[in-house]
Amino acid sequence: MVKKVYKRYSEAFRIQVVREYEQDEHSIKALHRRYGVNQGTLKKWIQKYSTQGLKYKLMKIQTPEEQDRLKEVEAENVRLKLLVADLQLDKVMLESTITVIEREYGIDVKKKN
């Protein structure tokens, strides 16, 4: 049986890695390759221990058409979620009706293959 290995990094190690990042010695990707630490974990360490934070921030720039399309897609998503909820309620009501009919009248309503 192979035991799963959990890595625990000391706070001193974490701070050392963050200092390397801050001094422009390595990028997050390079630190990941060098130490084998997950990039998401490295970002959390940088947010916690760094005096400067992450070097880069993602900015999403969209045209007005893209923004309008995104709003349309989000509205459609809401409509579809409501439709799915309605259909689920219809399904439950139909299944309940079938169960009542079968119980009350002793009739097998469901199709047999």
Protein backbone atom coordinates (compact mmCIF):
# COMPACT_ATOMS: atom_id res chain seq x y z
CA MET A 1 0.00 0.00 0.00
CA VAL A 2 1.39 3.37 -1.02
CA LYS A 3 0.98 6.07 1.56
CA LYS A 4 0.01 9.53 0.41
CA VAL A 5 2.66 12.12 1.15
CA TYR A 6 1.63 15.51 2.52
CA LYS A 7 4.16 18.30 2.31
CA ARG A 8 4.34 20.87 5.08
CA TYR A 9 6.53 23.89 4.47
CA SER A 10 8.03 25.84 7.34
CA GLU A 11 7.27 29.51 7.64
CA ALA A 12 10.96 30.32 7.17
CA PHE A 13 10.95 28.40 3.86
CA ARG A 14 7.81 30.21 2.73
CA ILE A 15 9.32 33.61 3.53
CA GLN A 16 12.55 32.68 1.73
CA VAL A 17 10.62 31.74 -1.42
CA VAL A 18 8.60 34.97 -1.24
CA ARG A 19 11.80 37.02 -0.85
CA GLU A 20 13.21 35.38 -3.99
CA TYR A 21 10.04 36.39 -5.80
CA GLU A 22 10.19 39.97 -4.47
CA GLN A 23 13.84 40.43 -5.46
CA ASP A 24 12.97 39.55 -9.07
CA GLU A 25 15.14 36.48 -8.84
CA HIS A 26 12.35 34.19 -10.03
CA SER A 27 8.84 34.25 -11.42
CA ILE A 28 6.06 32.18 -9.86
CA LYS A 29 6.48 29.63 -12.64
CA ALA A 30 10.24 29.41 -12.02
CA LEU A 31 9.69 29.00 -8.28
CA HIS A 32 7.18 26.24 -9.01
CA ARG A 33 9.76 24.41 -11.14
CA ARG A 34 12.56 25.01 -8.66
CA TYR A 35 10.79 23.97 -5.46
CA GLY A 36 7.85 21.91 -6.73
CA VAL A 37 5.34 24.06 -4.89
CA ASN A 38 1.94 24.50 -6.53
CA GLN A 39 1.59 27.89 -8.25
CA GLY A 40 -1.68 28.60 -6.43
CA THR A 41 0.07 27.92 -3.12
CA LEU A 42 2.89 30.26 -4.11
CA LYS A 43 0.37 33.03 -4.87
CA LYS A 44 -1.21 32.56 -1.42
CA TRP A 45 2.21 32.77 0.22
CA ILE A 46 2.99 35.96 -1.70
CA GLN A 47 -0.29 37.53 -0.62
CA LYS A 48 0.38 36.55 3.00
CA TYR A 49 4.11 37.23 3.39
CA SER A 50 5.00 39.78 0.71
CA THR A 51 5.26 43.46 1.44
CA GLN A 52 4.54 44.25 -2.22
CA GLY A 53 2.00 41.61 -3.21
CA LEU A 54 1.80 40.07 -6.64
CA LYS A 55 3.78 41.83 -9.35
CA TYR A 56 1.04 41.55 -11.92
CA LYS A 57 -2.69 42.06 -11.82
CA LEU A 58 -4.98 40.76 -14.52
CA MET A 59 -7.12 43.44 -16.12
CA LYS A 60 -9.88 42.34 -18.44
CA ILE A 61 -10.50 44.81 -21.23
CA GLN A 62 -13.61 44.36 -23.32
CA THR A 63 -15.28 46.20 -26.13
CA PRO A 64 -18.80 47.51 -25.49
CA GLU A 65 -20.11 44.74 -27.77
CA GLU A 66 -18.37 42.09 -25.65
CA GLN A 67 -19.79 43.60 -22.47
CA ASP A 68 -23.30 43.62 -23.97
CA ARG A 69 -22.89 40.01 -25.11
CA LEU A 70 -21.72 39.00 -21.64
CA LYS A 71 -24.79 40.62 -20.07
CA GLU A 72 -27.01 38.80 -22.59
CA VAL A 73 -25.37 35.46 -21.80
CA GLU A 74 -25.72 36.03 -18.05
CA ALA A 75 -29.41 36.93 -18.47
CA GLU A 76 -29.96 33.84 -20.63
CA ASN A 77 -28.23 31.74 -17.99
CA VAL A 78 -30.65 33.04 -15.33
CA ARG A 79 -33.64 32.32 -17.60
CA LEU A 80 -32.39 28.80 -18.29
CA LYS A 81 -31.84 28.09 -14.60
CA LEU A 82 -35.42 29.19 -13.88
CA LEU A 83 -36.68 26.99 -16.73
CA VAL A 84 -34.79 23.99 -15.38
CA ALA A 85 -36.28 24.60 -11.92
CA ASP A 86 -39.79 24.76 -13.43
CA LEU A 87 -39.20 21.56 -15.37
CA GLN A 88 -37.95 19.80 -12.25
CA LEU A 89 -41.12 20.83 -10.43
CA ASP A 90 -43.25 19.59 -13.35
CA LYS A 91 -41.40 16.27 -13.27
CA VAL A 92 -41.97 15.85 -9.53
CA MET A 93 -45.69 16.67 -9.92
CA LEU A 94 -46.08 14.17 -12.78
CA GLU A 95 -44.25 11.44 -10.89
CA SER A 96 -46.42 12.10 -7.83
CA THR A 97 -49.58 11.96 -9.97
CA ILE A 98 -48.48 8.63 -11.47
CA THR A 99 -47.75 7.23 -8.02
CA VAL A 100 -51.18 8.30 -6.72
CA ILE A 101 -52.99 6.84 -9.76
CA GLU A 102 -51.12 3.56 -9.46
CA ARG A 103 -51.83 3.35 -5.73
CA GLU A 104 -55.48 4.44 -5.86
CA TYR A 105 -56.60 2.59 -8.98
CA GLY A 106 -54.14 -0.28 -9.11
CA ILE A 107 -53.21 0.63 -12.69
CA ASP A 108 -49.64 0.42 -13.96
CA VAL A 109 -49.31 3.77 -15.77
CA LYS A 110 -45.57 3.67 -16.58
CA LYS A 111 -44.51 2.26 -19.95
CA LYS A 112 -42.84 -1.10 -19.93
CA ASN A 113 -39.90 -1.75 -22.25
